[in-house]
N, C-alpha and C. Protein backbone atom coordinates (compact mmCIF):
# COMPACT_ATOMS: atom_id res chain seq x y z
N MET A 1 -29.77 5.41 13.86
CA MET A 1 -28.44 5.05 13.37
C MET A 1 -27.42 5.50 14.42
N THR A 2 -26.60 4.57 14.86
CA THR A 2 -25.58 4.91 15.85
C THR A 2 -24.37 5.51 15.15
N ASN A 3 -23.47 6.10 15.94
CA ASN A 3 -22.28 6.73 15.37
C ASN A 3 -21.41 5.73 14.61
N SER A 4 -21.43 4.45 15.03
CA SER A 4 -20.59 3.45 14.38
C SER A 4 -21.28 2.81 13.17
N THR A 5 -22.53 3.22 12.89
CA THR A 5 -23.25 2.66 11.76
C THR A 5 -22.89 3.43 10.50
N ARG A 6 -22.35 2.71 9.54
CA ARG A 6 -21.96 3.36 8.28
C ARG A 6 -22.85 2.87 7.16
N LEU A 7 -22.90 3.64 6.10
CA LEU A 7 -23.62 3.23 4.90
C LEU A 7 -22.67 2.40 4.05
N ILE A 8 -23.22 1.37 3.42
CA ILE A 8 -22.42 0.46 2.60
C ILE A 8 -22.80 0.68 1.14
N PRO A 9 -21.82 0.74 0.23
CA PRO A 9 -22.17 0.87 -1.19
C PRO A 9 -23.01 -0.33 -1.66
N ILE A 10 -24.05 -0.05 -2.43
CA ILE A 10 -24.91 -1.10 -2.98
C ILE A 10 -24.36 -1.48 -4.35
N VAL A 11 -24.12 -2.78 -4.56
CA VAL A 11 -23.60 -3.23 -5.85
C VAL A 11 -24.74 -3.31 -6.86
N LYS A 12 -24.40 -3.11 -8.10
CA LYS A 12 -25.37 -3.11 -9.18
C LYS A 12 -25.05 -4.25 -10.15
N VAL A 13 -26.09 -4.69 -10.90
CA VAL A 13 -25.81 -5.65 -11.96
C VAL A 13 -24.90 -4.96 -12.97
N PRO A 14 -23.95 -5.64 -13.56
CA PRO A 14 -23.78 -7.09 -13.60
C PRO A 14 -22.78 -7.67 -12.57
N ASP A 15 -22.61 -7.06 -11.41
CA ASP A 15 -21.66 -7.57 -10.43
C ASP A 15 -21.93 -9.06 -10.16
N PRO A 16 -20.92 -9.92 -10.30
CA PRO A 16 -21.13 -11.37 -10.18
C PRO A 16 -21.61 -11.83 -8.79
N ILE A 17 -21.37 -11.06 -7.75
CA ILE A 17 -21.82 -11.49 -6.41
C ILE A 17 -23.34 -11.63 -6.36
N LEU A 18 -24.03 -10.88 -7.21
CA LEU A 18 -25.49 -10.93 -7.22
C LEU A 18 -26.03 -12.26 -7.78
N ARG A 19 -25.16 -13.03 -8.42
CA ARG A 19 -25.57 -14.31 -9.00
C ARG A 19 -25.07 -15.51 -8.18
N LYS A 20 -24.38 -15.25 -7.07
CA LYS A 20 -23.89 -16.34 -6.22
C LYS A 20 -24.90 -16.66 -5.13
N VAL A 21 -24.95 -17.93 -4.73
CA VAL A 21 -25.78 -18.34 -3.60
C VAL A 21 -25.04 -17.95 -2.33
N ALA A 22 -25.72 -17.20 -1.46
CA ALA A 22 -25.10 -16.72 -0.22
C ALA A 22 -24.94 -17.86 0.79
N GLU A 23 -23.91 -17.74 1.61
CA GLU A 23 -23.61 -18.75 2.63
C GLU A 23 -24.49 -18.56 3.85
N PRO A 24 -24.91 -19.67 4.49
CA PRO A 24 -25.66 -19.53 5.74
C PRO A 24 -24.78 -18.91 6.84
N VAL A 25 -25.42 -18.18 7.73
CA VAL A 25 -24.72 -17.64 8.90
C VAL A 25 -24.67 -18.77 9.93
N THR A 26 -23.48 -19.11 10.40
CA THR A 26 -23.34 -20.22 11.35
C THR A 26 -23.28 -19.75 12.79
N GLU A 27 -22.90 -18.47 12.98
CA GLU A 27 -22.83 -17.92 14.33
C GLU A 27 -23.24 -16.46 14.29
N ILE A 28 -24.14 -16.07 15.18
CA ILE A 28 -24.60 -14.68 15.22
C ILE A 28 -23.69 -13.92 16.18
N THR A 29 -22.82 -13.12 15.59
CA THR A 29 -21.81 -12.37 16.35
C THR A 29 -22.16 -10.89 16.35
N ASP A 30 -21.40 -10.11 17.11
CA ASP A 30 -21.55 -8.65 17.06
C ASP A 30 -21.28 -8.14 15.65
N GLY A 31 -20.37 -8.78 14.94
CA GLY A 31 -20.07 -8.39 13.55
C GLY A 31 -21.28 -8.57 12.64
N ILE A 32 -22.00 -9.68 12.82
CA ILE A 32 -23.21 -9.93 12.03
C ILE A 32 -24.27 -8.88 12.37
N ARG A 33 -24.44 -8.60 13.67
CA ARG A 33 -25.42 -7.58 14.08
C ARG A 33 -25.04 -6.21 13.53
N GLN A 34 -23.75 -5.90 13.49
CA GLN A 34 -23.27 -4.62 12.93
C GLN A 34 -23.59 -4.53 11.44
N ILE A 35 -23.38 -5.64 10.71
CA ILE A 35 -23.69 -5.65 9.27
C ILE A 35 -25.19 -5.42 9.07
N LEU A 36 -26.03 -6.07 9.89
CA LEU A 36 -27.49 -5.87 9.77
C LEU A 36 -27.86 -4.41 10.03
N ASP A 37 -27.24 -3.79 11.04
CA ASP A 37 -27.50 -2.36 11.32
C ASP A 37 -27.08 -1.49 10.13
N GLU A 38 -25.91 -1.79 9.56
CA GLU A 38 -25.42 -1.02 8.42
C GLU A 38 -26.30 -1.25 7.18
N MET A 39 -26.77 -2.48 7.00
CA MET A 39 -27.67 -2.77 5.89
C MET A 39 -28.97 -1.99 6.05
N ALA A 40 -29.51 -1.93 7.28
CA ALA A 40 -30.75 -1.18 7.51
C ALA A 40 -30.53 0.30 7.23
N ALA A 41 -29.45 0.86 7.72
CA ALA A 41 -29.15 2.28 7.48
C ALA A 41 -29.02 2.55 5.97
N THR A 42 -28.35 1.64 5.27
CA THR A 42 -28.15 1.78 3.82
C THR A 42 -29.48 1.69 3.09
N MET A 43 -30.35 0.73 3.50
CA MET A 43 -31.66 0.57 2.88
C MET A 43 -32.50 1.84 3.05
N TYR A 44 -32.54 2.38 4.28
CA TYR A 44 -33.33 3.59 4.53
C TYR A 44 -32.77 4.77 3.74
N ASP A 45 -31.46 4.86 3.63
CA ASP A 45 -30.82 5.97 2.93
C ASP A 45 -31.08 5.91 1.42
N ALA A 46 -31.24 4.71 0.86
CA ALA A 46 -31.28 4.53 -0.61
C ALA A 46 -32.37 5.32 -1.35
N PRO A 47 -33.61 5.42 -1.01
CA PRO A 47 -34.38 4.63 -0.03
C PRO A 47 -34.95 3.38 -0.68
N GLY A 48 -35.05 2.33 0.13
CA GLY A 48 -35.63 1.08 -0.33
C GLY A 48 -36.45 0.45 0.78
N ILE A 49 -37.07 -0.70 0.47
CA ILE A 49 -37.87 -1.41 1.47
C ILE A 49 -37.27 -2.77 1.82
N GLY A 50 -36.18 -3.14 1.16
CA GLY A 50 -35.51 -4.39 1.46
C GLY A 50 -34.10 -4.38 0.93
N LEU A 51 -33.23 -5.16 1.59
CA LEU A 51 -31.84 -5.26 1.15
C LEU A 51 -31.30 -6.60 1.63
N ALA A 52 -30.58 -7.28 0.75
CA ALA A 52 -30.00 -8.58 1.07
C ALA A 52 -28.47 -8.46 1.09
N GLY A 53 -27.84 -9.33 1.87
CA GLY A 53 -26.39 -9.32 2.03
C GLY A 53 -25.61 -9.18 0.72
N PRO A 54 -25.91 -10.01 -0.30
CA PRO A 54 -25.13 -9.91 -1.54
C PRO A 54 -25.16 -8.52 -2.19
N GLN A 55 -26.21 -7.75 -1.92
CA GLN A 55 -26.31 -6.41 -2.52
C GLN A 55 -25.30 -5.44 -1.93
N VAL A 56 -24.70 -5.80 -0.80
CA VAL A 56 -23.67 -4.96 -0.19
C VAL A 56 -22.35 -5.73 -0.08
N LYS A 57 -22.16 -6.69 -1.03
CA LYS A 57 -20.94 -7.50 -1.12
C LYS A 57 -20.69 -8.36 0.11
N VAL A 58 -21.78 -8.77 0.79
CA VAL A 58 -21.68 -9.70 1.92
C VAL A 58 -22.42 -10.96 1.49
N SER A 59 -21.69 -12.00 1.13
CA SER A 59 -22.32 -13.22 0.62
C SER A 59 -22.76 -14.12 1.79
N LYS A 60 -23.61 -13.54 2.63
CA LYS A 60 -24.20 -14.24 3.78
C LYS A 60 -25.72 -14.12 3.66
N ARG A 61 -26.42 -15.07 4.28
CA ARG A 61 -27.89 -15.10 4.21
C ARG A 61 -28.47 -14.13 5.24
N LEU A 62 -28.38 -12.85 4.90
CA LEU A 62 -28.85 -11.74 5.73
C LEU A 62 -29.80 -10.87 4.92
N VAL A 63 -30.91 -10.47 5.56
CA VAL A 63 -31.91 -9.65 4.90
C VAL A 63 -32.44 -8.63 5.90
N VAL A 64 -32.66 -7.40 5.43
CA VAL A 64 -33.40 -6.40 6.20
C VAL A 64 -34.58 -5.94 5.35
N ILE A 65 -35.73 -5.76 6.00
CA ILE A 65 -36.96 -5.38 5.31
C ILE A 65 -37.75 -4.41 6.18
N ASP A 66 -38.30 -3.38 5.54
CA ASP A 66 -39.25 -2.49 6.21
C ASP A 66 -40.21 -1.97 5.15
N CYS A 67 -41.41 -2.53 5.16
CA CYS A 67 -42.43 -2.13 4.18
C CYS A 67 -43.41 -1.12 4.73
N SER A 68 -43.10 -0.54 5.90
CA SER A 68 -44.03 0.43 6.49
C SER A 68 -44.16 1.65 5.59
N LYS A 69 -45.34 2.23 5.61
CA LYS A 69 -45.64 3.33 4.68
C LYS A 69 -45.27 4.71 5.24
N ASP A 70 -45.01 4.78 6.53
CA ASP A 70 -44.76 6.09 7.13
C ASP A 70 -43.44 6.09 7.89
N GLU A 71 -43.26 7.06 8.74
CA GLU A 71 -42.00 7.21 9.48
C GLU A 71 -41.86 6.22 10.64
N THR A 72 -42.95 5.51 10.99
CA THR A 72 -42.84 4.50 12.04
C THR A 72 -42.22 3.26 11.41
N HIS A 73 -41.02 2.96 11.80
CA HIS A 73 -40.31 1.84 11.19
C HIS A 73 -40.83 0.51 11.71
N ASP A 74 -40.93 -0.44 10.81
CA ASP A 74 -41.30 -1.82 11.15
C ASP A 74 -40.21 -2.70 10.53
N LEU A 75 -39.03 -2.64 11.13
CA LEU A 75 -37.82 -3.26 10.56
C LEU A 75 -37.71 -4.71 10.97
N TYR A 76 -37.51 -5.56 9.97
CA TYR A 76 -37.21 -6.97 10.19
C TYR A 76 -35.74 -7.19 9.83
N LYS A 77 -35.00 -7.78 10.74
CA LYS A 77 -33.63 -8.21 10.48
C LYS A 77 -33.66 -9.73 10.49
N MET A 78 -33.44 -10.33 9.32
CA MET A 78 -33.58 -11.77 9.17
C MET A 78 -32.24 -12.43 8.87
N ILE A 79 -31.96 -13.48 9.62
CA ILE A 79 -30.75 -14.28 9.42
C ILE A 79 -31.20 -15.67 8.95
N ASN A 80 -30.61 -16.13 7.86
CA ASN A 80 -30.95 -17.43 7.26
C ASN A 80 -32.45 -17.60 7.00
N PRO A 81 -33.11 -16.60 6.40
CA PRO A 81 -34.55 -16.74 6.15
C PRO A 81 -34.83 -17.80 5.09
N LYS A 82 -35.94 -18.49 5.27
CA LYS A 82 -36.36 -19.45 4.24
C LYS A 82 -37.87 -19.50 4.20
N ILE A 83 -38.37 -19.75 3.00
CA ILE A 83 -39.81 -19.89 2.80
C ILE A 83 -40.16 -21.33 3.12
N ILE A 84 -41.08 -21.52 4.06
CA ILE A 84 -41.46 -22.88 4.43
C ILE A 84 -42.83 -23.28 3.87
N ARG A 85 -43.59 -22.28 3.41
CA ARG A 85 -44.87 -22.57 2.79
C ARG A 85 -45.26 -21.41 1.89
N SER A 86 -45.81 -21.75 0.73
CA SER A 86 -46.30 -20.73 -0.22
C SER A 86 -47.74 -21.04 -0.57
N SER A 87 -48.54 -20.00 -0.74
CA SER A 87 -49.93 -20.19 -1.14
C SER A 87 -50.01 -20.52 -2.63
N ASN A 88 -51.09 -21.17 -3.01
CA ASN A 88 -51.34 -21.41 -4.44
C ASN A 88 -51.83 -20.14 -5.12
N LYS A 89 -52.48 -19.28 -4.33
CA LYS A 89 -52.97 -18.01 -4.87
C LYS A 89 -51.77 -17.15 -5.27
N ARG A 90 -51.89 -16.48 -6.41
CA ARG A 90 -50.79 -15.66 -6.93
C ARG A 90 -51.18 -14.19 -6.89
N SER A 91 -50.18 -13.34 -6.87
CA SER A 91 -50.44 -11.90 -7.01
C SER A 91 -49.34 -11.29 -7.87
N VAL A 92 -49.67 -10.18 -8.49
CA VAL A 92 -48.73 -9.46 -9.36
C VAL A 92 -48.51 -8.08 -8.77
N LEU A 93 -47.25 -7.75 -8.52
CA LEU A 93 -46.89 -6.42 -8.01
C LEU A 93 -45.73 -5.86 -8.82
N GLU A 94 -45.68 -4.55 -8.91
CA GLU A 94 -44.57 -3.85 -9.55
C GLU A 94 -43.36 -3.94 -8.62
N GLU A 95 -42.24 -4.46 -9.12
CA GLU A 95 -41.04 -4.57 -8.32
C GLU A 95 -39.91 -3.78 -8.94
N GLY A 96 -39.05 -3.29 -8.06
CA GLY A 96 -37.82 -2.64 -8.45
C GLY A 96 -36.72 -3.21 -7.58
N CYS A 97 -35.50 -2.74 -7.78
CA CYS A 97 -34.38 -3.29 -7.02
C CYS A 97 -33.28 -2.25 -6.92
N LEU A 98 -32.72 -2.11 -5.72
CA LEU A 98 -31.63 -1.15 -5.52
C LEU A 98 -30.39 -1.51 -6.34
N SER A 99 -30.26 -2.78 -6.73
CA SER A 99 -29.13 -3.22 -7.56
C SER A 99 -29.42 -3.10 -9.06
N ILE A 100 -30.66 -2.73 -9.39
CA ILE A 100 -31.05 -2.49 -10.79
C ILE A 100 -31.83 -1.18 -10.81
N PRO A 101 -31.14 -0.06 -10.51
CA PRO A 101 -31.84 1.22 -10.37
C PRO A 101 -32.55 1.65 -11.65
N ASP A 102 -33.66 2.37 -11.44
CA ASP A 102 -34.42 2.98 -12.53
C ASP A 102 -35.15 1.98 -13.43
N HIS A 103 -35.30 0.74 -12.96
CA HIS A 103 -36.03 -0.26 -13.73
C HIS A 103 -37.02 -0.97 -12.81
N THR A 104 -38.24 -1.12 -13.31
CA THR A 104 -39.26 -1.87 -12.57
C THR A 104 -39.99 -2.79 -13.55
N ALA A 105 -40.67 -3.79 -13.00
CA ALA A 105 -41.47 -4.68 -13.83
C ALA A 105 -42.50 -5.36 -12.95
N GLU A 106 -43.60 -5.76 -13.57
CA GLU A 106 -44.61 -6.53 -12.83
C GLU A 106 -44.11 -7.96 -12.69
N VAL A 107 -44.15 -8.46 -11.45
CA VAL A 107 -43.67 -9.81 -11.15
C VAL A 107 -44.79 -10.58 -10.47
N GLU A 108 -45.04 -11.80 -10.94
CA GLU A 108 -46.04 -12.66 -10.32
C GLU A 108 -45.36 -13.60 -9.34
N ARG A 109 -45.90 -13.64 -8.12
CA ARG A 109 -45.35 -14.49 -7.06
C ARG A 109 -46.51 -15.06 -6.24
N PRO A 110 -46.23 -16.05 -5.37
CA PRO A 110 -47.26 -16.49 -4.43
C PRO A 110 -47.75 -15.31 -3.59
N ALA A 111 -49.06 -15.25 -3.37
CA ALA A 111 -49.67 -14.12 -2.65
C ALA A 111 -49.32 -14.14 -1.16
N GLU A 112 -49.13 -15.34 -0.61
CA GLU A 112 -48.78 -15.49 0.81
C GLU A 112 -47.63 -16.47 0.95
N VAL A 113 -46.74 -16.17 1.87
CA VAL A 113 -45.65 -17.09 2.19
C VAL A 113 -45.45 -17.13 3.70
N GLU A 114 -45.06 -18.29 4.19
CA GLU A 114 -44.67 -18.41 5.59
C GLU A 114 -43.15 -18.49 5.61
N ILE A 115 -42.55 -17.65 6.44
CA ILE A 115 -41.10 -17.52 6.51
C ILE A 115 -40.61 -17.99 7.87
N GLN A 116 -39.47 -18.66 7.86
CA GLN A 116 -38.79 -19.00 9.11
C GLN A 116 -37.41 -18.36 9.04
N TYR A 117 -36.97 -17.76 10.15
CA TYR A 117 -35.66 -17.10 10.18
C TYR A 117 -35.21 -16.96 11.63
N LEU A 118 -33.96 -16.55 11.79
CA LEU A 118 -33.44 -16.21 13.11
C LEU A 118 -33.39 -14.69 13.21
N ASP A 119 -33.74 -14.16 14.38
CA ASP A 119 -33.57 -12.72 14.57
C ASP A 119 -32.15 -12.48 15.06
N GLU A 120 -31.82 -11.22 15.32
CA GLU A 120 -30.43 -10.89 15.65
C GLU A 120 -30.00 -11.40 17.03
N THR A 121 -30.95 -11.90 17.83
CA THR A 121 -30.58 -12.49 19.12
C THR A 121 -30.46 -14.00 19.01
N GLY A 122 -30.78 -14.56 17.83
CA GLY A 122 -30.69 -16.00 17.64
C GLY A 122 -32.00 -16.73 17.84
N CYS A 123 -33.08 -15.99 18.16
CA CYS A 123 -34.40 -16.60 18.34
C CYS A 123 -34.99 -16.99 16.99
N SER A 124 -35.55 -18.21 16.94
CA SER A 124 -36.21 -18.67 15.73
C SER A 124 -37.59 -18.02 15.65
N LYS A 125 -37.91 -17.49 14.48
CA LYS A 125 -39.19 -16.81 14.26
C LYS A 125 -39.88 -17.41 13.04
N LYS A 126 -41.21 -17.38 13.07
CA LYS A 126 -42.03 -17.74 11.91
C LYS A 126 -43.04 -16.64 11.72
N ILE A 127 -43.20 -16.21 10.48
CA ILE A 127 -44.20 -15.19 10.20
C ILE A 127 -44.93 -15.53 8.90
N LEU A 128 -46.18 -15.12 8.84
CA LEU A 128 -46.97 -15.26 7.63
C LEU A 128 -46.99 -13.89 6.96
N ALA A 129 -46.57 -13.84 5.73
CA ALA A 129 -46.49 -12.57 5.00
C ALA A 129 -47.45 -12.59 3.82
N ASP A 130 -48.09 -11.42 3.59
CA ASP A 130 -48.93 -11.29 2.40
C ASP A 130 -48.74 -9.90 1.82
N GLY A 131 -49.35 -9.66 0.67
CA GLY A 131 -49.25 -8.35 0.03
C GLY A 131 -47.82 -7.95 -0.30
N LEU A 132 -47.54 -6.67 -0.12
CA LEU A 132 -46.22 -6.12 -0.43
C LEU A 132 -45.13 -6.81 0.39
N PHE A 133 -45.42 -7.09 1.66
CA PHE A 133 -44.44 -7.73 2.52
C PHE A 133 -44.05 -9.11 1.97
N ALA A 134 -45.03 -9.88 1.50
CA ALA A 134 -44.75 -11.21 0.93
C ALA A 134 -43.86 -11.08 -0.31
N ALA A 135 -44.18 -10.13 -1.18
CA ALA A 135 -43.38 -9.93 -2.39
C ALA A 135 -41.96 -9.52 -2.03
N CYS A 136 -41.83 -8.63 -1.06
CA CYS A 136 -40.52 -8.14 -0.64
C CYS A 136 -39.67 -9.28 -0.05
N VAL A 137 -40.26 -10.07 0.82
CA VAL A 137 -39.52 -11.19 1.42
C VAL A 137 -39.05 -12.16 0.34
N GLN A 138 -39.93 -12.47 -0.60
CA GLN A 138 -39.55 -13.39 -1.68
C GLN A 138 -38.45 -12.78 -2.55
N HIS A 139 -38.54 -11.50 -2.82
CA HIS A 139 -37.54 -10.79 -3.62
C HIS A 139 -36.17 -10.87 -2.93
N GLU A 140 -36.15 -10.61 -1.62
CA GLU A 140 -34.87 -10.61 -0.89
C GLU A 140 -34.30 -12.02 -0.74
N ILE A 141 -35.16 -13.01 -0.50
CA ILE A 141 -34.67 -14.39 -0.41
C ILE A 141 -34.15 -14.84 -1.78
N ASP A 142 -34.79 -14.39 -2.86
CA ASP A 142 -34.25 -14.65 -4.20
C ASP A 142 -32.81 -14.15 -4.29
N HIS A 143 -32.54 -12.94 -3.78
CA HIS A 143 -31.17 -12.40 -3.81
C HIS A 143 -30.19 -13.37 -3.14
N LEU A 144 -30.61 -13.99 -2.05
CA LEU A 144 -29.73 -14.92 -1.33
C LEU A 144 -29.43 -16.16 -2.17
N ASN A 145 -30.28 -16.41 -3.16
CA ASN A 145 -30.11 -17.58 -4.02
C ASN A 145 -29.58 -17.21 -5.41
N GLY A 146 -29.11 -15.97 -5.57
CA GLY A 146 -28.54 -15.54 -6.84
C GLY A 146 -29.57 -15.26 -7.92
N ILE A 147 -30.81 -15.00 -7.49
CA ILE A 147 -31.91 -14.75 -8.43
C ILE A 147 -32.32 -13.28 -8.33
N LEU A 148 -32.54 -12.64 -9.47
CA LEU A 148 -32.97 -11.25 -9.52
C LEU A 148 -34.42 -11.17 -10.00
N PHE A 149 -35.10 -10.06 -9.67
CA PHE A 149 -36.50 -9.95 -10.08
C PHE A 149 -36.66 -10.03 -11.59
N ILE A 150 -35.65 -9.62 -12.33
CA ILE A 150 -35.74 -9.68 -13.80
C ILE A 150 -35.73 -11.12 -14.32
N ASP A 151 -35.36 -12.08 -13.47
CA ASP A 151 -35.42 -13.49 -13.87
C ASP A 151 -36.85 -13.99 -13.91
N HIS A 152 -37.79 -13.21 -13.37
CA HIS A 152 -39.21 -13.59 -13.35
C HIS A 152 -40.02 -12.91 -14.45
N ILE A 153 -39.36 -12.16 -15.34
CA ILE A 153 -40.10 -11.44 -16.39
C ILE A 153 -39.72 -11.99 -17.76
N SER A 154 -40.35 -11.46 -18.81
CA SER A 154 -40.09 -11.97 -20.16
C SER A 154 -38.62 -11.78 -20.53
N ARG A 155 -38.13 -12.70 -21.34
CA ARG A 155 -36.74 -12.65 -21.79
C ARG A 155 -36.44 -11.33 -22.52
N LEU A 156 -37.39 -10.87 -23.31
CA LEU A 156 -37.19 -9.63 -24.07
C LEU A 156 -36.97 -8.45 -23.12
N LYS A 157 -37.85 -8.31 -22.13
CA LYS A 157 -37.74 -7.20 -21.20
C LYS A 157 -36.47 -7.33 -20.35
N LYS A 158 -36.17 -8.55 -19.92
CA LYS A 158 -34.95 -8.80 -19.13
C LYS A 158 -33.71 -8.41 -19.93
N ASP A 159 -33.63 -8.85 -21.18
CA ASP A 159 -32.47 -8.53 -22.02
C ASP A 159 -32.32 -7.04 -22.22
N MET A 160 -33.43 -6.34 -22.39
CA MET A 160 -33.41 -4.90 -22.58
C MET A 160 -32.82 -4.21 -21.33
N ILE A 161 -33.30 -4.61 -20.16
CA ILE A 161 -32.81 -4.03 -18.90
C ILE A 161 -31.33 -4.34 -18.73
N MET A 162 -30.93 -5.58 -18.98
CA MET A 162 -29.53 -5.98 -18.79
C MET A 162 -28.60 -5.20 -19.74
N ARG A 163 -29.02 -5.01 -20.99
CA ARG A 163 -28.19 -4.24 -21.93
C ARG A 163 -27.96 -2.82 -21.41
N LYS A 164 -29.02 -2.19 -20.90
CA LYS A 164 -28.88 -0.83 -20.36
C LYS A 164 -27.97 -0.82 -19.14
N MET A 165 -28.15 -1.80 -18.25
CA MET A 165 -27.34 -1.85 -17.03
C MET A 165 -25.86 -2.09 -17.35
N ILE A 166 -25.57 -2.97 -18.30
CA ILE A 166 -24.18 -3.25 -18.68
C ILE A 166 -23.56 -2.03 -19.32
N LYS A 167 -24.33 -1.33 -20.15
CA LYS A 167 -23.84 -0.09 -20.78
C LYS A 167 -23.49 0.94 -19.69
N ASN A 168 -24.39 1.13 -18.71
CA ASN A 168 -24.13 2.07 -17.61
C ASN A 168 -22.92 1.64 -16.79
N TYR A 169 -22.78 0.34 -16.55
CA TYR A 169 -21.66 -0.21 -15.78
C TYR A 169 -20.33 0.10 -16.49
N ARG A 170 -20.31 -0.12 -17.80
CA ARG A 170 -19.08 0.14 -18.57
C ARG A 170 -18.74 1.63 -18.59
N GLN A 171 -19.76 2.47 -18.71
CA GLN A 171 -19.52 3.92 -18.69
C GLN A 171 -18.97 4.35 -17.33
N ALA A 172 -19.52 3.80 -16.27
CA ALA A 172 -19.05 4.13 -14.92
C ALA A 172 -17.62 3.67 -14.71
N GLU A 173 -17.27 2.50 -15.25
CA GLU A 173 -15.89 1.98 -15.14
C GLU A 173 -14.90 2.90 -15.85
N LYS A 174 -15.29 3.40 -17.04
CA LYS A 174 -14.41 4.30 -17.81
C LYS A 174 -14.17 5.60 -17.05
N GLN A 175 -15.23 6.09 -16.39
CA GLN A 175 -15.12 7.36 -15.65
C GLN A 175 -14.43 7.20 -14.32
N GLY A 176 -14.51 5.98 -13.74
CA GLY A 176 -14.08 5.80 -12.38
C GLY A 176 -12.72 5.30 -12.16
């Protein structure tokens, strides 16, 4: 983390920005690279394994991901990521979200996905993701489309989580 890298507050549900479709990045500027650096610092600090632009009130198609298990970082900074192929095989993993703290649920998704994105230098990249990395990429791209992991679970469980989150949000507003 450089001296100019700051941590950005992570928005929580029910903030409406989390339900908006993020805008594509049309030009990769120093400002965009700075936001990606700040998103990475914020993700590591949280701690989390992925963070999307809307989660830090930036409605741009930006994602940072690091699913490495140890201190050796394997950071992906993705601009305008999109899934270009999904496997028919499915997998179920426990997911959580920095915008829905203290709540997790099992989510079923394609087991493998092929992703296309631009890196921070503007180079087009394609990667095949599986396991935790595949789930994380899909989770973060969902954020760019206004979709939350709770949209993939039963209505009963989703409603229960949302009621708790709205109650916490209102309590925080009264105190803040």
